[in-house]
Amino acid sequence: MSNNKTEFAVIYQWLIKPGKETQFRKAWEGLTLLQMNNRGSRGSRLHKSEQGTWIAYAQWVDKKSWEASCEQKPEDEMWSQLMLDAVEDTWPPTFLAPIADHLMPEQLASQGLTGPHVKH
């Protein structure tokens, strides 16, 4: 891992099978925590669009860390299989190079800290 800066981000998008939403969310959370604790992930946010697709935005230290995390490892298999079982359709990931960052961390937002005085 190169440094403390986020140098790479990925957007994922899925259509989840009806009735499998909870299964997908739990598997996504398990895999995300595994990647955060062991692989250089800076975390991810999972969203549901108004069109019904589920979208995740994940940040990484660098692309090399993301590529290494994509290699199937035994500890990933359970989470990956649960996610795949819940997915009806998926789209190719979108790769991003961060240019500017004005996304407030959830911890600051929950404390009511807003505005230009907040240091990131």
N, C-alpha and C. Protein backbone atom coordinates (compact mmCIF):
# COMPACT_ATOMS: atom_id res chain seq x y z
N MET A 1 0.83 -1.16 0.00
CA MET A 1 0.00 0.00 0.00
C MET A 1 0.88 1.23 0.00
N SER A 2 0.58 2.14 -0.86
CA SER A 2 1.50 3.23 -1.11
C SER A 2 1.50 4.33 -0.06
N ASN A 3 0.33 4.77 0.41
CA ASN A 3 0.29 5.87 1.37
C ASN A 3 -1.10 5.97 1.97
N ASN A 4 -1.39 7.08 2.62
CA ASN A 4 -2.69 7.26 3.26
C ASN A 4 -3.73 7.87 2.34
N LYS A 5 -3.36 8.22 1.12
CA LYS A 5 -4.30 8.81 0.17
C LYS A 5 -5.09 7.73 -0.54
N THR A 6 -6.34 8.02 -0.84
CA THR A 6 -7.16 7.14 -1.65
C THR A 6 -6.84 7.44 -3.11
N GLU A 7 -6.27 6.47 -3.81
CA GLU A 7 -5.85 6.68 -5.20
C GLU A 7 -6.74 5.98 -6.21
N PHE A 8 -7.73 5.19 -5.73
CA PHE A 8 -8.52 4.39 -6.66
C PHE A 8 -9.90 4.14 -6.06
N ALA A 9 -10.91 4.18 -6.91
CA ALA A 9 -12.28 3.89 -6.46
C ALA A 9 -12.98 3.09 -7.56
N VAL A 10 -14.01 2.36 -7.14
CA VAL A 10 -14.75 1.51 -8.06
C VAL A 10 -16.24 1.66 -7.77
N ILE A 11 -17.04 1.68 -8.83
CA ILE A 11 -18.49 1.66 -8.70
C ILE A 11 -18.99 0.33 -9.25
N TYR A 12 -19.81 -0.34 -8.45
CA TYR A 12 -20.42 -1.61 -8.84
C TYR A 12 -21.93 -1.41 -8.93
N GLN A 13 -22.60 -2.19 -9.78
CA GLN A 13 -24.05 -2.10 -9.88
C GLN A 13 -24.65 -3.48 -10.11
N TRP A 14 -25.74 -3.77 -9.37
CA TRP A 14 -26.40 -5.07 -9.46
C TRP A 14 -27.91 -4.90 -9.47
N LEU A 15 -28.58 -5.88 -10.04
CA LEU A 15 -30.01 -6.04 -9.89
C LEU A 15 -30.19 -7.27 -9.00
N ILE A 16 -30.85 -7.09 -7.86
CA ILE A 16 -30.97 -8.15 -6.87
C ILE A 16 -32.29 -8.90 -7.08
N LYS A 17 -32.23 -10.22 -6.95
CA LYS A 17 -33.43 -11.05 -7.07
C LYS A 17 -34.41 -10.69 -5.95
N PRO A 18 -35.70 -10.64 -6.29
CA PRO A 18 -36.71 -10.37 -5.24
C PRO A 18 -36.59 -11.38 -4.11
N GLY A 19 -36.65 -10.88 -2.88
CA GLY A 19 -36.56 -11.73 -1.70
C GLY A 19 -35.13 -12.04 -1.25
N LYS A 20 -34.14 -11.61 -2.02
CA LYS A 20 -32.73 -11.90 -1.70
C LYS A 20 -31.98 -10.66 -1.21
N GLU A 21 -32.70 -9.57 -0.96
CA GLU A 21 -32.06 -8.31 -0.59
C GLU A 21 -31.25 -8.42 0.72
N THR A 22 -31.82 -9.03 1.73
CA THR A 22 -31.12 -9.17 3.01
C THR A 22 -29.88 -10.05 2.87
N GLN A 23 -30.01 -11.13 2.13
CA GLN A 23 -28.87 -12.02 1.89
C GLN A 23 -27.75 -11.26 1.19
N PHE A 24 -28.09 -10.50 0.16
CA PHE A 24 -27.08 -9.74 -0.57
C PHE A 24 -26.40 -8.73 0.35
N ARG A 25 -27.20 -7.98 1.09
CA ARG A 25 -26.64 -6.94 1.96
C ARG A 25 -25.68 -7.54 2.99
N LYS A 26 -26.07 -8.63 3.64
CA LYS A 26 -25.20 -9.25 4.64
C LYS A 26 -23.91 -9.76 4.00
N ALA A 27 -24.00 -10.36 2.82
CA ALA A 27 -22.81 -10.85 2.14
C ALA A 27 -21.91 -9.69 1.71
N TRP A 28 -22.52 -8.62 1.19
CA TRP A 28 -21.76 -7.44 0.79
C TRP A 28 -21.03 -6.86 2.01
N GLU A 29 -21.73 -6.77 3.14
CA GLU A 29 -21.10 -6.23 4.36
C GLU A 29 -19.95 -7.12 4.82
N GLY A 30 -20.15 -8.45 4.79
CA GLY A 30 -19.09 -9.36 5.20
C GLY A 30 -17.86 -9.24 4.33
N LEU A 31 -18.06 -9.20 3.02
CA LEU A 31 -16.93 -9.08 2.09
C LEU A 31 -16.26 -7.71 2.22
N THR A 32 -17.05 -6.67 2.40
CA THR A 32 -16.49 -5.32 2.56
C THR A 32 -15.63 -5.23 3.81
N LEU A 33 -16.11 -5.77 4.92
CA LEU A 33 -15.33 -5.73 6.17
C LEU A 33 -14.05 -6.55 6.04
N LEU A 34 -14.12 -7.69 5.38
CA LEU A 34 -12.93 -8.51 5.14
C LEU A 34 -11.90 -7.71 4.34
N GLN A 35 -12.35 -7.03 3.30
CA GLN A 35 -11.44 -6.25 2.46
C GLN A 35 -10.88 -5.05 3.22
N MET A 36 -11.69 -4.43 4.06
CA MET A 36 -11.20 -3.30 4.85
C MET A 36 -10.15 -3.74 5.86
N ASN A 37 -10.38 -4.87 6.50
CA ASN A 37 -9.49 -5.33 7.56
C ASN A 37 -8.21 -5.98 7.04
N ASN A 38 -8.22 -6.50 5.80
CA ASN A 38 -7.09 -7.29 5.32
C ASN A 38 -6.52 -6.91 3.96
N ARG A 39 -7.17 -6.03 3.21
CA ARG A 39 -6.77 -5.89 1.81
C ARG A 39 -6.52 -4.47 1.30
N GLY A 40 -6.59 -3.47 2.14
CA GLY A 40 -6.33 -2.12 1.67
C GLY A 40 -7.55 -1.35 1.22
N SER A 41 -8.74 -1.91 1.43
CA SER A 41 -9.96 -1.17 1.10
C SER A 41 -10.16 -0.05 2.10
N ARG A 42 -10.64 1.08 1.61
CA ARG A 42 -10.97 2.21 2.47
C ARG A 42 -12.45 2.22 2.82
N GLY A 43 -13.14 1.13 2.46
CA GLY A 43 -14.55 1.04 2.78
C GLY A 43 -15.42 1.27 1.55
N SER A 44 -16.70 1.09 1.75
CA SER A 44 -17.65 1.17 0.65
C SER A 44 -18.99 1.61 1.19
N ARG A 45 -19.78 2.20 0.33
CA ARG A 45 -21.16 2.55 0.66
C ARG A 45 -22.06 1.84 -0.34
N LEU A 46 -23.12 1.24 0.18
CA LEU A 46 -24.08 0.53 -0.65
C LEU A 46 -25.34 1.38 -0.74
N HIS A 47 -25.85 1.55 -1.94
CA HIS A 47 -27.03 2.36 -2.18
C HIS A 47 -28.05 1.57 -2.99
N LYS A 48 -29.31 1.97 -2.91
CA LYS A 48 -30.33 1.43 -3.79
C LYS A 48 -30.87 2.60 -4.60
N SER A 49 -30.83 2.46 -5.92
CA SER A 49 -31.29 3.55 -6.78
C SER A 49 -32.81 3.55 -6.89
N GLU A 50 -33.37 4.66 -7.33
CA GLU A 50 -34.81 4.74 -7.55
C GLU A 50 -35.27 3.78 -8.64
N GLN A 51 -34.35 3.37 -9.51
CA GLN A 51 -34.67 2.43 -10.58
C GLN A 51 -34.64 0.98 -10.10
N GLY A 52 -34.23 0.77 -8.85
CA GLY A 52 -34.24 -0.57 -8.27
C GLY A 52 -32.91 -1.30 -8.29
N THR A 53 -31.88 -0.72 -8.91
CA THR A 53 -30.57 -1.37 -8.88
C THR A 53 -29.86 -0.99 -7.59
N TRP A 54 -28.93 -1.84 -7.19
CA TRP A 54 -28.11 -1.59 -6.02
C TRP A 54 -26.73 -1.16 -6.53
N ILE A 55 -26.20 -0.11 -5.93
CA ILE A 55 -24.93 0.46 -6.38
C ILE A 55 -24.00 0.62 -5.18
N ALA A 56 -22.77 0.21 -5.33
CA ALA A 56 -21.77 0.38 -4.27
C ALA A 56 -20.62 1.21 -4.81
N TYR A 57 -20.15 2.11 -3.98
CA TYR A 57 -18.98 2.92 -4.26
C TYR A 57 -17.91 2.50 -3.27
N ALA A 58 -16.79 2.00 -3.77
CA ALA A 58 -15.72 1.51 -2.90
C ALA A 58 -14.43 2.29 -3.16
N GLN A 59 -13.74 2.65 -2.07
CA GLN A 59 -12.47 3.35 -2.18
C GLN A 59 -11.34 2.42 -1.80
N TRP A 60 -10.21 2.60 -2.47
CA TRP A 60 -9.03 1.76 -2.24
C TRP A 60 -7.79 2.63 -2.14
N VAL A 61 -6.82 2.12 -1.41
CA VAL A 61 -5.53 2.81 -1.30
C VAL A 61 -4.96 3.03 -2.70
N ASP A 62 -4.98 1.98 -3.52
CA ASP A 62 -4.48 2.08 -4.89
C ASP A 62 -5.06 0.92 -5.72
N LYS A 63 -4.86 0.99 -7.02
CA LYS A 63 -5.41 -0.03 -7.92
C LYS A 63 -4.76 -1.39 -7.68
N LYS A 64 -3.48 -1.40 -7.35
CA LYS A 64 -2.78 -2.65 -7.08
C LYS A 64 -3.44 -3.41 -5.93
N SER A 65 -3.83 -2.72 -4.87
CA SER A 65 -4.51 -3.35 -3.74
C SER A 65 -5.86 -3.92 -4.17
N TRP A 66 -6.60 -3.17 -4.99
CA TRP A 66 -7.89 -3.66 -5.49
C TRP A 66 -7.69 -4.92 -6.34
N GLU A 67 -6.70 -4.88 -7.25
CA GLU A 67 -6.45 -6.04 -8.12
C GLU A 67 -6.10 -7.27 -7.28
N ALA A 68 -5.27 -7.09 -6.26
CA ALA A 68 -4.90 -8.22 -5.40
C ALA A 68 -6.11 -8.76 -4.66
N SER A 69 -7.04 -7.88 -4.29
CA SER A 69 -8.23 -8.33 -3.56
C SER A 69 -9.18 -9.11 -4.46
N CYS A 70 -9.08 -8.92 -5.76
CA CYS A 70 -9.98 -9.60 -6.71
C CYS A 70 -9.62 -11.07 -6.90
N GLU A 71 -8.42 -11.45 -6.53
CA GLU A 71 -8.04 -12.86 -6.62
C GLU A 71 -8.83 -13.63 -5.58
N GLN A 72 -9.58 -14.62 -6.03
CA GLN A 72 -10.43 -15.39 -5.11
C GLN A 72 -9.60 -16.05 -4.02
N LYS A 73 -9.95 -15.80 -2.81
CA LYS A 73 -9.27 -16.39 -1.66
C LYS A 73 -10.29 -17.22 -0.89
N PRO A 74 -9.86 -18.26 -0.21
CA PRO A 74 -10.81 -19.14 0.50
C PRO A 74 -11.77 -18.39 1.43
N GLU A 75 -11.27 -17.37 2.12
CA GLU A 75 -12.14 -16.64 3.06
C GLU A 75 -13.19 -15.79 2.35
N ASP A 76 -13.00 -15.54 1.05
CA ASP A 76 -13.98 -14.77 0.27
C ASP A 76 -15.13 -15.64 -0.24
N GLU A 77 -14.88 -16.92 -0.38
CA GLU A 77 -15.80 -17.79 -1.12
C GLU A 77 -17.23 -17.75 -0.58
N MET A 78 -17.39 -17.84 0.72
CA MET A 78 -18.74 -17.85 1.29
C MET A 78 -19.49 -16.56 0.95
N TRP A 79 -18.84 -15.42 1.18
CA TRP A 79 -19.49 -14.13 0.91
C TRP A 79 -19.77 -13.98 -0.58
N SER A 80 -18.82 -14.34 -1.41
CA SER A 80 -18.99 -14.21 -2.86
C SER A 80 -20.14 -15.07 -3.37
N GLN A 81 -20.23 -16.30 -2.89
CA GLN A 81 -21.30 -17.20 -3.32
C GLN A 81 -22.67 -16.68 -2.89
N LEU A 82 -22.76 -16.16 -1.68
CA LEU A 82 -24.03 -15.60 -1.21
C LEU A 82 -24.44 -14.39 -2.04
N MET A 83 -23.46 -13.56 -2.39
CA MET A 83 -23.77 -12.40 -3.23
C MET A 83 -24.24 -12.85 -4.61
N LEU A 84 -23.47 -13.75 -5.23
CA LEU A 84 -23.82 -14.22 -6.57
C LEU A 84 -25.19 -14.88 -6.61
N ASP A 85 -25.53 -15.62 -5.57
CA ASP A 85 -26.83 -16.28 -5.49
C ASP A 85 -27.97 -15.26 -5.45
N ALA A 86 -27.71 -14.07 -4.92
CA ALA A 86 -28.75 -13.05 -4.78
C ALA A 86 -28.85 -12.12 -6.00
N VAL A 87 -27.90 -12.21 -6.91
CA VAL A 87 -27.83 -11.28 -8.05
C VAL A 87 -28.54 -11.84 -9.27
N GLU A 88 -29.44 -11.02 -9.81
CA GLU A 88 -30.12 -11.36 -11.05
C GLU A 88 -29.33 -10.88 -12.26
N ASP A 89 -28.72 -9.70 -12.13
CA ASP A 89 -27.93 -9.12 -13.21
C ASP A 89 -26.87 -8.22 -12.61
N THR A 90 -25.79 -8.01 -13.34
CA THR A 90 -24.71 -7.13 -12.88
C THR A 90 -24.13 -6.39 -14.08
N TRP A 91 -23.45 -5.30 -13.81
CA TRP A 91 -22.80 -4.50 -14.84
C TRP A 91 -21.31 -4.49 -14.57
N PRO A 92 -20.50 -4.25 -15.58
CA PRO A 92 -19.05 -4.18 -15.35
C PRO A 92 -18.72 -3.04 -14.38
N PRO A 93 -17.70 -3.21 -13.56
CA PRO A 93 -17.33 -2.14 -12.64
C PRO A 93 -16.82 -0.91 -13.39
N THR A 94 -17.02 0.25 -12.78
CA THR A 94 -16.51 1.52 -13.31
C THR A 94 -15.33 1.92 -12.44
N PHE A 95 -14.18 2.14 -13.05
CA PHE A 95 -12.96 2.50 -12.32
C PHE A 95 -12.80 4.01 -12.29
N LEU A 96 -12.41 4.53 -11.14
CA LEU A 96 -12.31 5.97 -10.94
C LEU A 96 -10.97 6.36 -10.32
N ALA A 97 -10.45 7.48 -10.74
CA ALA A 97 -9.27 8.08 -10.10
C ALA A 97 -9.75 9.36 -9.42
N PRO A 98 -9.75 9.41 -8.09
CA PRO A 98 -10.24 10.59 -7.38
C PRO A 98 -9.46 11.86 -7.77
N ILE A 99 -10.22 12.93 -7.99
CA ILE A 99 -9.64 14.23 -8.35
C ILE A 99 -9.79 15.21 -7.18
N ALA A 100 -10.99 15.30 -6.61
CA ALA A 100 -11.27 16.17 -5.47
C ALA A 100 -12.21 15.42 -4.52
N ASP A 101 -12.11 15.70 -3.24
CA ASP A 101 -12.91 14.98 -2.25
C ASP A 101 -13.61 15.95 -1.31
N HIS A 102 -14.93 15.98 -1.40
CA HIS A 102 -15.73 16.78 -0.48
C HIS A 102 -16.85 15.94 0.10
N LEU A 103 -16.63 14.64 0.22
CA LEU A 103 -17.59 13.74 0.81
C LEU A 103 -17.34 13.72 2.32
N MET A 104 -18.36 14.09 3.08
CA MET A 104 -18.20 14.14 4.53
C MET A 104 -18.27 12.74 5.12
N PRO A 105 -17.31 12.37 5.95
CA PRO A 105 -17.38 11.08 6.62
C PRO A 105 -18.66 10.99 7.46
N GLU A 106 -19.28 9.82 7.48
CA GLU A 106 -20.53 9.63 8.22
C GLU A 106 -20.40 10.03 9.69
N GLN A 107 -19.24 9.77 10.30
CA GLN A 107 -19.06 10.08 11.71
C GLN A 107 -19.22 11.58 11.97
N LEU A 108 -18.68 12.41 11.07
CA LEU A 108 -18.81 13.86 11.24
C LEU A 108 -20.24 14.31 11.01
N ALA A 109 -20.88 13.75 10.00
CA ALA A 109 -22.25 14.13 9.70
C ALA A 109 -23.18 13.77 10.85
N SER A 110 -22.96 12.61 11.47
CA SER A 110 -23.83 12.18 12.58
C SER A 110 -23.62 13.05 13.82
N GLN A 111 -22.48 13.73 13.90
CA GLN A 111 -22.21 14.62 15.02
C GLN A 111 -22.70 16.04 14.73
N GLY A 112 -23.28 16.24 13.55
CA GLY A 112 -23.79 17.55 13.18
C GLY A 112 -22.72 18.50 12.71
N LEU A 113 -21.54 18.00 12.40
CA LEU A 113 -20.45 18.86 11.94
C LEU A 113 -20.56 19.02 10.43
N THR A 114 -20.74 20.25 10.00
CA THR A 114 -20.87 20.53 8.57
C THR A 114 -20.14 21.82 8.24
N GLY A 115 -20.01 22.08 6.97
CA GLY A 115 -19.47 23.34 6.52
C GLY A 115 -17.97 23.33 6.31
N PRO A 116 -17.44 24.46 5.86
CA PRO A 116 -16.03 24.54 5.49
C PRO A 116 -15.07 24.45 6.66
N HIS A 117 -15.55 24.59 7.89
CA HIS A 117 -14.67 24.52 9.06
C HIS A 117 -14.25 23.08 9.39
N VAL A 118 -14.91 22.11 8.80
CA VAL A 118 -14.61 20.71 9.08
C VAL A 118 -13.34 20.31 8.34
N LYS A 119 -12.37 19.78 9.06
CA LYS A 119 -11.12 19.33 8.45
C LYS A 119 -11.26 17.86 8.10
N HIS A 120 -10.89 17.49 6.87
CA HIS A 120 -10.98 16.09 6.41
C HIS A 120 -9.64 15.44 6.47
